[in-house]
């Protein structure tokens, strides 16, 4: 990636990396590694794992101190809505992260832009990269600036899994999700997941991530239960 592109992205995210390799790794999509015979370990997937953990800690601390009268359950639900895939992918698109991803020639940038899972993962990778580069405080500033905003707090996303879980709890039912199938290459998988109500399969859902497939399965299950 040319230096001017790096500087352009740093200006957008309002953070300048001490070690530019951290930023480049956060932008290395698995499709780029596949085409260039790069080991999978040198993609942004490990940084996504780290960034997800940092985001959970920072958002938990933020909500704990903001909503002093919330129970554990209420805090958990609020955090889930705030850092859900749909919200994080929206933030990633606003930052135009799709323009800076290192991708394989066979991958479509437009497809990645519209793929919530990819956009969410990329944002979490950026968070992980900032944490590695400078520590928790700089990562916190980024998260506060772009994710823990009043606009995002005011948004409401349909969390079908939470609604279905509440219904299961009320009816003393055990809820579980199982993967039915995984298809496609590692960088562009499609998941089919089934949701069970006790031992009865209620529905199946398909998505580009496990989270999306579970939400879709929960939505179909709720529709069936309400018939």
Protein backbone atom coordinates (compact mmCIF):
# COMPACT_ATOMS: atom_id res chain seq x y z
CA UNK A 1 0.00 0.00 0.00
CA UNK A 2 1.35 3.42 -0.97
CA UNK A 3 2.28 5.79 1.82
CA UNK A 4 -0.31 8.35 0.69
CA UNK A 5 -3.09 5.75 1.19
CA UNK A 6 -1.80 5.02 4.68
CA UNK A 7 -1.78 8.71 5.52
CA UNK A 8 -5.28 9.10 4.07
CA UNK A 9 -6.65 6.33 6.30
CA UNK A 10 -4.82 7.63 9.37
CA UNK A 11 -6.44 11.00 8.78
CA UNK A 12 -9.89 9.39 8.56
CA UNK A 13 -9.49 7.32 11.75
CA UNK A 14 -7.67 10.18 13.52
CA UNK A 15 -4.78 8.01 14.60
CA UNK A 16 -1.20 7.85 13.31
CA UNK A 17 0.53 4.51 13.71
CA UNK A 18 4.02 4.34 15.15
CA UNK A 19 4.48 0.96 13.45
CA UNK A 20 2.75 1.02 10.06
CA UNK A 21 2.99 -2.79 9.88
CA UNK A 22 0.26 -3.02 12.50
CA UNK A 23 -2.06 -1.03 10.25
CA UNK A 24 -1.15 -3.01 7.13
CA UNK A 25 -1.79 -6.29 8.92
CA UNK A 26 -5.21 -5.06 10.07
CA UNK A 27 -6.10 -4.45 6.42
CA UNK A 28 -4.84 -7.77 5.03
CA UNK A 29 -7.91 -9.73 3.96
CA UNK A 30 -7.63 -13.55 3.77
CA UNK A 31 -8.26 -13.41 -0.01
CA UNK A 32 -5.05 -11.38 -0.42
CA UNK A 33 -3.11 -13.95 1.58
CA UNK A 34 -4.60 -16.80 -0.48
CA UNK A 35 -3.54 -15.28 -3.79
CA UNK A 36 -0.07 -14.31 -2.58
CA UNK A 37 0.79 -17.56 -0.79
CA UNK A 38 0.90 -15.81 2.58
CA UNK A 39 0.29 -17.90 5.66
CA UNK A 40 -3.20 -17.40 7.12
CA UNK A 41 -1.62 -16.27 10.38
CA UNK A 42 -0.45 -13.11 8.59
CA UNK A 43 -3.96 -11.81 7.86
CA UNK A 44 -6.16 -9.54 9.95
CA UNK A 45 -7.99 -12.42 11.64
CA UNK A 46 -5.80 -12.55 14.76
CA UNK A 47 -6.10 -8.77 15.16
CA UNK A 48 -9.87 -9.12 14.84
CA UNK A 49 -9.81 -11.55 17.79
CA UNK A 50 -7.78 -9.07 19.85
CA UNK A 51 -9.85 -6.05 18.83
CA UNK A 52 -13.09 -7.82 19.70
CA UNK A 53 -11.81 -8.42 23.26
CA UNK A 54 -10.60 -4.82 23.63
CA UNK A 55 -13.95 -3.50 22.36
CA UNK A 56 -15.87 -5.69 24.81
CA UNK A 57 -13.79 -4.45 27.75
CA UNK A 58 -14.01 -0.76 26.82
CA UNK A 59 -17.74 -0.86 26.02
CA UNK A 60 -18.48 -2.79 29.24
CA UNK A 61 -16.61 -0.22 31.32
CA UNK A 62 -18.36 2.63 29.48
CA UNK A 63 -21.86 1.24 30.01
CA UNK A 64 -21.16 0.19 33.62
CA UNK A 65 -20.34 3.80 34.51
CA UNK A 66 -23.03 5.37 32.32
CA UNK A 67 -26.06 3.34 33.43
CA UNK A 68 -25.69 3.09 37.19
CA UNK A 69 -29.20 1.66 37.68
CA UNK A 70 -28.93 -1.10 35.04
CA UNK A 71 -28.88 -4.75 36.08
CA UNK A 72 -26.33 -7.17 34.63
CA UNK A 73 -28.91 -8.39 32.12
CA UNK A 74 -29.78 -4.86 30.99
CA UNK A 75 -26.10 -3.96 30.60
CA UNK A 76 -25.48 -7.10 28.58
CA UNK A 77 -28.38 -6.39 26.22
CA UNK A 78 -27.32 -2.77 25.75
CA UNK A 79 -23.75 -3.79 24.99
CA UNK A 80 -24.94 -6.43 22.52
CA UNK A 81 -26.95 -3.83 20.59
CA UNK A 82 -24.14 -1.29 20.68
CA UNK A 83 -21.40 -3.60 19.38
CA UNK A 84 -23.54 -5.85 17.19
CA UNK A 85 -22.32 -6.74 13.71
CA UNK A 86 -24.80 -4.43 12.01
CA UNK A 87 -23.72 -1.40 14.03
CA UNK A 88 -19.99 -2.06 13.69
CA UNK A 89 -20.29 -2.64 9.94
CA UNK A 90 -22.08 0.71 9.62
CA UNK A 91 -19.20 2.41 11.43
CA UNK A 92 -16.67 0.64 9.17
CA UNK A 93 -18.49 1.85 6.05
CA UNK A 94 -18.62 5.42 7.36
CA UNK A 95 -14.84 5.23 7.77
CA UNK A 96 -14.60 3.79 4.22
CA UNK A 97 -12.41 0.92 5.43
CA UNK A 98 -13.38 -1.08 2.34
CA UNK A 99 -11.31 1.33 0.21
CA UNK A 100 -8.13 0.40 2.07
CA UNK A 101 -8.43 -3.38 2.38
CA UNK A 102 -5.68 -5.45 0.76
CA UNK A 103 -7.70 -8.01 -1.20
CA UNK A 104 -7.13 -10.69 -3.81
CA UNK A 105 -7.74 -9.96 -7.50
CA UNK A 106 -10.65 -12.39 -7.50
CA UNK A 107 -12.43 -10.56 -4.68
CA UNK A 108 -14.98 -7.80 -5.27
CA UNK A 109 -14.47 -4.67 -3.17
CA UNK A 110 -18.15 -3.81 -3.57
CA UNK A 111 -19.13 -7.23 -2.23
CA UNK A 112 -16.87 -6.75 0.78
CA UNK A 113 -18.30 -3.28 1.34
CA UNK A 114 -21.79 -4.77 1.54
CA UNK A 115 -20.71 -7.74 3.66
CA UNK A 116 -21.49 -6.89 7.29
CA UNK A 117 -19.22 -9.63 8.59
CA UNK A 118 -16.18 -8.41 6.65
CA UNK A 119 -16.75 -4.78 7.60
CA UNK A 120 -17.25 -5.66 11.27
CA UNK A 121 -14.11 -7.81 11.28
CA UNK A 122 -12.06 -5.06 9.66
CA UNK A 123 -13.12 -2.49 12.25
CA UNK A 124 -12.25 -4.87 15.08
CA UNK A 125 -8.88 -5.50 13.42
CA UNK A 126 -8.17 -1.77 13.38
CA UNK A 127 -8.98 -1.63 17.11
CA UNK A 128 -6.61 -4.53 17.72
CA UNK A 129 -3.89 -2.82 15.69
CA UNK A 130 -4.21 0.44 17.64
CA UNK A 131 -4.07 -1.51 20.90
CA UNK A 132 -0.86 -3.26 19.80
CA UNK A 133 0.62 -0.01 18.54
CA UNK A 134 -0.06 2.21 21.54
CA UNK A 135 -2.02 0.43 24.27
CA UNK A 136 -5.45 0.57 25.81
CA UNK A 137 -5.81 4.36 26.11
CA UNK A 138 -5.44 5.08 22.40
CA UNK A 139 -7.73 2.17 21.55
CA UNK A 140 -10.25 3.60 24.03
CA UNK A 141 -10.10 7.02 22.38
CA UNK A 142 -10.80 5.47 18.97
CA UNK A 143 -13.72 3.42 20.32
CA UNK A 144 -15.22 6.43 22.11
CA UNK A 145 -14.83 8.60 19.02
CA UNK A 146 -16.44 6.26 16.51
CA UNK A 147 -18.45 3.56 18.30
CA UNK A 148 -19.60 4.70 21.75
CA UNK A 149 -21.38 7.75 20.37
CA UNK A 150 -24.75 9.25 21.16
CA UNK A 151 -25.92 8.38 17.68
CA UNK A 152 -25.04 4.71 18.11
CA UNK A 153 -26.50 4.58 21.60
CA UNK A 154 -29.81 5.86 20.25
CA UNK A 155 -29.97 3.21 17.52
CA UNK A 156 -32.07 0.12 18.01
CA UNK A 157 -31.36 -3.07 16.12
CA UNK A 158 -33.60 -6.09 16.21
CA UNK A 159 -31.79 -8.59 18.40
CA UNK A 160 -33.89 -11.65 17.56
CA UNK A 161 -31.63 -13.97 19.56
CA UNK A 162 -32.24 -12.03 22.77
CA UNK A 163 -35.99 -11.93 22.18
CA UNK A 164 -36.07 -15.67 21.52
CA UNK A 165 -33.95 -16.33 24.61
CA UNK A 166 -36.37 -14.35 26.77
CA UNK A 167 -39.27 -16.37 25.38
CA UNK A 168 -37.40 -19.61 26.07
CA UNK A 169 -36.60 -18.55 29.63
CA UNK A 170 -40.22 -17.63 30.24
CA UNK A 171 -41.38 -21.06 29.03
CA UNK A 172 -38.55 -22.95 30.80
CA UNK A 173 -37.16 -24.15 27.50
CA UNK A 174 -33.52 -24.82 26.63
CA UNK A 175 -32.34 -22.89 23.58
CA UNK A 176 -29.34 -23.95 21.53
CA UNK A 177 -27.81 -23.29 18.10
CA UNK A 178 -25.99 -25.84 15.96
CA UNK A 179 -24.07 -25.41 12.71
CA UNK A 180 -25.74 -27.37 9.91
CA UNK A 181 -23.20 -26.57 7.21
CA UNK A 182 -20.34 -24.30 6.17
CA UNK A 183 -19.75 -23.66 2.46
CA UNK A 184 -17.32 -21.55 0.46
CA UNK A 185 -13.66 -20.59 0.92
CA UNK A 186 -12.33 -19.37 4.27
CA UNK A 187 -12.54 -15.71 3.28
CA UNK A 188 -16.12 -15.95 1.97
CA UNK A 189 -17.99 -18.61 3.92
CA UNK A 190 -21.75 -19.10 4.15
CA UNK A 191 -23.12 -20.62 7.33
CA UNK A 192 -26.38 -22.48 7.88
CA UNK A 193 -27.38 -22.74 11.54
CA UNK A 194 -30.33 -24.48 13.18
CA UNK A 195 -31.98 -23.31 16.39
CA UNK A 196 -33.47 -25.86 18.79
CA UNK A 197 -36.17 -25.28 21.41
CA UNK A 198 -35.44 -28.07 23.88
CA UNK A 199 -34.81 -30.92 21.42
CA UNK A 200 -37.17 -29.65 18.74
CA UNK A 201 -35.64 -27.93 15.73
CA UNK A 202 -37.58 -24.73 15.20
CA UNK A 203 -35.84 -23.13 12.26
CA UNK A 204 -32.69 -22.64 10.21
CA UNK A 205 -30.93 -19.46 9.18
CA UNK A 206 -28.26 -18.60 6.61
CA UNK A 207 -25.65 -15.85 6.85
CA UNK A 208 -22.14 -14.77 5.91
CA UNK A 209 -21.14 -15.13 9.58
CA UNK A 210 -22.26 -17.37 12.42
CA UNK A 211 -23.78 -14.36 14.18
CA UNK A 212 -25.84 -13.40 11.14
CA UNK A 213 -27.01 -16.98 10.59
CA UNK A 214 -28.04 -17.30 14.24
CA UNK A 215 -29.98 -14.02 14.11
CA UNK A 216 -31.76 -15.15 10.93
CA UNK A 217 -32.58 -18.52 12.48
CA UNK A 218 -33.94 -16.81 15.60
CA UNK A 219 -36.11 -14.49 13.46
CA UNK A 220 -37.67 -17.42 11.59
CA UNK A 221 -38.19 -19.27 14.89
CA UNK A 222 -39.97 -16.27 16.41
CA UNK A 223 -42.24 -16.02 13.37
CA UNK A 224 -43.18 -19.70 13.77
CA UNK A 225 -43.82 -19.39 17.51
CA UNK A 226 -46.11 -16.43 16.96
CA UNK A 227 -48.26 -18.22 14.36
